[in-house]
């Protein structure tokens, strides 16, 4: 496995452990349908929480969450819609970003709740 892929997987593992330690129930990790993907889908306090995980070795080139641009948001929202339809979910949905910063575990974890909202058309 390439080093960047290994780092990303370790970051996702750390993010999932972080969420679980705070009472989140992980429903799926790396859920895929066709070309759509969600990093982590969890339940917390009656909400479906869609979590995008961003892992970086450092913040020299910016904060990890800055990589979640409008195109990525659109992709996540489209994937979340497919997930909700597939599993017939009727709950409030929240979109979070969890960041993991460091060259290796243990990472510095950041959690941005309600990091973005679906656009209204």
C-alpha atoms as a PDB file:
ATOM      1  CA  UNK A   1       0.000   0.000   0.000  1.00  0.00           C
ATOM      2  CA  UNK A   2       1.322   3.426  -0.927  1.00  0.00           C
ATOM      3  CA  UNK A   3       2.348   5.659   1.980  1.00  0.00           C
ATOM      4  CA  UNK A   4      -0.388   8.246   1.302  1.00  0.00           C
ATOM      5  CA  UNK A   5      -3.042   5.496   1.159  1.00  0.00           C
ATOM      6  CA  UNK A   6      -1.775   4.025   4.437  1.00  0.00           C
ATOM      7  CA  UNK A   7      -1.831   7.474   6.068  1.00  0.00           C
ATOM      8  CA  UNK A   8      -5.389   8.039   4.851  1.00  0.00           C
ATOM      9  CA  UNK A   9      -6.558   4.692   6.235  1.00  0.00           C
ATOM     10  CA  UNK A  10      -4.860   5.360   9.573  1.00  0.00           C
ATOM     11  CA  UNK A  11      -6.532   8.786   9.668  1.00  0.00           C
ATOM     12  CA  UNK A  12      -9.944   7.241   8.990  1.00  0.00           C
ATOM     13  CA  UNK A  13      -9.329   4.616  11.687  1.00  0.00           C
ATOM     14  CA  UNK A  14      -8.441   7.397  14.147  1.00  0.00           C
ATOM     15  CA  UNK A  15     -11.508   9.424  13.123  1.00  0.00           C
ATOM     16  CA  UNK A  16     -13.807   6.422  13.628  1.00  0.00           C
ATOM     17  CA  UNK A  17     -12.276   5.695  17.041  1.00  0.00           C
ATOM     18  CA  UNK A  18     -12.664   9.358  18.002  1.00  0.00           C
ATOM     19  CA  UNK A  19     -16.340   9.370  17.027  1.00  0.00           C
ATOM     20  CA  UNK A  20     -17.058   6.086  18.806  1.00  0.00           C
ATOM     21  CA  UNK A  21     -15.404   7.405  21.968  1.00  0.00           C
ATOM     22  CA  UNK A  22     -17.917  10.263  21.884  1.00  0.00           C
ATOM     23  CA  UNK A  23     -20.987   8.075  21.578  1.00  0.00           C
ATOM     24  CA  UNK A  24     -21.378   7.888  17.810  1.00  0.00           C
ATOM     25  CA  UNK A  25     -22.488   4.572  16.336  1.00  0.00           C
ATOM     26  CA  UNK A  26     -20.661   3.868  13.090  1.00  0.00           C
ATOM     27  CA  UNK A  27     -23.093   2.516  10.479  1.00  0.00           C
ATOM     28  CA  UNK A  28     -20.717   2.317   7.517  1.00  0.00           C
ATOM     29  CA  UNK A  29     -17.149   3.144   6.625  1.00  0.00           C
ATOM     30  CA  UNK A  30     -16.134   3.772   3.035  1.00  0.00           C
ATOM     31  CA  UNK A  31     -19.675   3.170   1.807  1.00  0.00           C
ATOM     32  CA  UNK A  32     -19.786   3.017  -1.967  1.00  0.00           C
ATOM     33  CA  UNK A  33     -22.419   2.983  -4.662  1.00  0.00           C
ATOM     34  CA  UNK A  34     -21.144   3.173  -8.210  1.00  0.00           C
ATOM     35  CA  UNK A  35     -18.767   6.169  -8.192  1.00  0.00           C
ATOM     36  CA  UNK A  36     -20.154   7.653  -4.986  1.00  0.00           C
ATOM     37  CA  UNK A  37     -18.389   7.265  -1.642  1.00  0.00           C
ATOM     38  CA  UNK A  38     -18.907   8.342   1.949  1.00  0.00           C
ATOM     39  CA  UNK A  39     -15.996   8.044   4.399  1.00  0.00           C
ATOM     40  CA  UNK A  40     -18.041   7.475   7.563  1.00  0.00           C
ATOM     41  CA  UNK A  41     -21.776   7.329   8.163  1.00  0.00           C
ATOM     42  CA  UNK A  42     -22.782   7.367  11.818  1.00  0.00           C
ATOM     43  CA  UNK A  43     -25.745   7.852  14.116  1.00  0.00           C
ATOM     44  CA  UNK A  44     -25.630  10.305  17.010  1.00  0.00           C
ATOM     45  CA  UNK A  45     -28.440  11.654  19.151  1.00  0.00           C
ATOM     46  CA  UNK A  46     -31.141  10.873  16.590  1.00  0.00           C
ATOM     47  CA  UNK A  47     -29.272  12.270  13.602  1.00  0.00           C
ATOM     48  CA  UNK A  48     -27.612  10.624  10.653  1.00  0.00           C
ATOM     49  CA  UNK A  49     -24.104  12.082  10.537  1.00  0.00           C
ATOM     50  CA  UNK A  50     -22.161  11.980   7.275  1.00  0.00           C
ATOM     51  CA  UNK A  51     -18.476  12.476   8.017  1.00  0.00           C
ATOM     52  CA  UNK A  52     -15.777  13.447   5.548  1.00  0.00           C
ATOM     53  CA  UNK A  53     -12.313  12.579   6.881  1.00  0.00           C
ATOM     54  CA  UNK A  54      -9.259  14.580   5.828  1.00  0.00           C
ATOM     55  CA  UNK A  55      -5.794  13.422   6.877  1.00  0.00           C
ATOM     56  CA  UNK A  56      -2.632  15.470   6.439  1.00  0.00           C
ATOM     57  CA  UNK A  57       0.906  15.099   7.756  1.00  0.00           C
ATOM     58  CA  UNK A  58       1.002  18.795   8.677  1.00  0.00           C
ATOM     59  CA  UNK A  59      -0.785  22.076   8.097  1.00  0.00           C
ATOM     60  CA  UNK A  60       2.041  23.845   6.232  1.00  0.00           C
ATOM     61  CA  UNK A  61      -0.087  24.058   3.075  1.00  0.00           C
ATOM     62  CA  UNK A  62      -3.344  24.851   4.864  1.00  0.00           C
ATOM     63  CA  UNK A  63      -5.866  23.202   7.125  1.00  0.00           C
ATOM     64  CA  UNK A  64      -7.153  19.780   6.008  1.00  0.00           C
ATOM     65  CA  UNK A  65     -10.782  20.928   5.870  1.00  0.00           C
ATOM     66  CA  UNK A  66      -9.840  23.483   3.225  1.00  0.00           C
ATOM     67  CA  UNK A  67      -9.651  20.559   0.770  1.00  0.00           C
ATOM     68  CA  UNK A  68     -13.434  20.184   1.005  1.00  0.00           C
ATOM     69  CA  UNK A  69     -14.366  22.571  -1.798  1.00  0.00           C
ATOM     70  CA  UNK A  70     -17.776  23.064  -3.418  1.00  0.00           C
ATOM     71  CA  UNK A  71     -17.170  20.158  -5.826  1.00  0.00           C
ATOM     72  CA  UNK A  72     -16.403  17.793  -2.942  1.00  0.00           C
ATOM     73  CA  UNK A  73     -19.443  19.071  -1.036  1.00  0.00           C
ATOM     74  CA  UNK A  74     -21.608  18.375  -4.094  1.00  0.00           C
ATOM     75  CA  UNK A  75     -20.170  14.843  -4.359  1.00  0.00           C
ATOM     76  CA  UNK A  76     -20.778  14.144  -0.641  1.00  0.00           C
ATOM     77  CA  UNK A  77     -24.346  15.456  -0.776  1.00  0.00           C
ATOM     78  CA  UNK A  78     -25.101  13.370  -3.875  1.00  0.00           C
ATOM     79  CA  UNK A  79     -23.670  10.274  -2.164  1.00  0.00           C
ATOM     80  CA  UNK A  80     -25.609  11.005   1.043  1.00  0.00           C
ATOM     81  CA  UNK A  81     -28.828  11.294  -0.967  1.00  0.00           C
ATOM     82  CA  UNK A  82     -28.161   7.881  -2.541  1.00  0.00           C
ATOM     83  CA  UNK A  83     -27.399   6.416   0.907  1.00  0.00           C
ATOM     84  CA  UNK A  84     -30.601   7.833   2.412  1.00  0.00           C
ATOM     85  CA  UNK A  85     -32.672   6.456  -0.464  1.00  0.00           C
ATOM     86  CA  UNK A  86     -31.001   3.041  -0.405  1.00  0.00           C
ATOM     87  CA  UNK A  87     -31.577   2.552   3.321  1.00  0.00           C
ATOM     88  CA  UNK A  88     -34.916   4.431   3.417  1.00  0.00           C
ATOM     89  CA  UNK A  89     -33.750   6.760   6.186  1.00  0.00           C
ATOM     90  CA  UNK A  90     -36.073   9.399   7.572  1.00  0.00           C
ATOM     91  CA  UNK A  91     -33.902  11.302  10.046  1.00  0.00           C
ATOM     92  CA  UNK A  92     -32.261  14.701  10.220  1.00  0.00           C
ATOM     93  CA  UNK A  93     -28.887  14.659   8.440  1.00  0.00           C
ATOM     94  CA  UNK A  94     -25.753  16.501   9.493  1.00  0.00           C
ATOM     95  CA  UNK A  95     -22.515  16.887   7.522  1.00  0.00           C
ATOM     96  CA  UNK A  96     -19.294  16.928   9.579  1.00  0.00           C
ATOM     97  CA  UNK A  97     -15.599  16.986   8.773  1.00  0.00           C
ATOM     98  CA  UNK A  98     -13.090  15.188  10.988  1.00  0.00           C
ATOM     99  CA  UNK A  99      -9.436  16.080  10.464  1.00  0.00           C
ATOM    100  CA  UNK A 100      -6.432  13.996  11.426  1.00  0.00           C
ATOM    101  CA  UNK A 101      -3.056  15.742  11.395  1.00  0.00           C
ATOM    102  CA  UNK A 102       0.275  14.009  11.906  1.00  0.00           C
ATOM    103  CA  UNK A 103       2.815  11.813  10.135  1.00  0.00           C
ATOM    104  CA  UNK A 104       1.569   8.759  12.020  1.00  0.00           C
ATOM    105  CA  UNK A 105      -0.792   7.886  14.888  1.00  0.00           C
ATOM    106  CA  UNK A 106      -1.640   9.271  17.330  1.00  0.00           C
ATOM    107  CA  UNK A 107      -3.054  12.122  15.266  1.00  0.00           C
ATOM    108  CA  UNK A 108      -4.280  15.528  16.336  1.00  0.00           C
ATOM    109  CA  UNK A 109      -8.026  15.185  15.703  1.00  0.00           C
ATOM    110  CA  UNK A 110     -10.329  18.070  14.846  1.00  0.00           C
ATOM    111  CA  UNK A 111     -14.116  17.811  14.534  1.00  0.00           C
ATOM    112  CA  UNK A 112     -16.151  20.375  12.627  1.00  0.00           C
ATOM    113  CA  UNK A 113     -19.832  19.720  13.274  1.00  0.00           C
ATOM    114  CA  UNK A 114     -22.244  21.060  10.665  1.00  0.00           C
ATOM    115  CA  UNK A 115     -19.251  21.798   8.447  1.00  0.00           C
ATOM    116  CA  UNK A 116     -21.524  22.483   5.492  1.00  0.00           C
ATOM    117  CA  UNK A 117     -25.165  22.383   4.487  1.00  0.00           C
ATOM    118  CA  UNK A 118     -26.772  21.117   1.291  1.00  0.00           C
ATOM    119  CA  UNK A 119     -27.463  23.967  -1.116  1.00  0.00           C
ATOM    120  CA  UNK A 120     -31.074  24.981  -1.594  1.00  0.00           C
ATOM    121  CA  UNK A 121     -32.236  24.985  -5.207  1.00  0.00           C
END
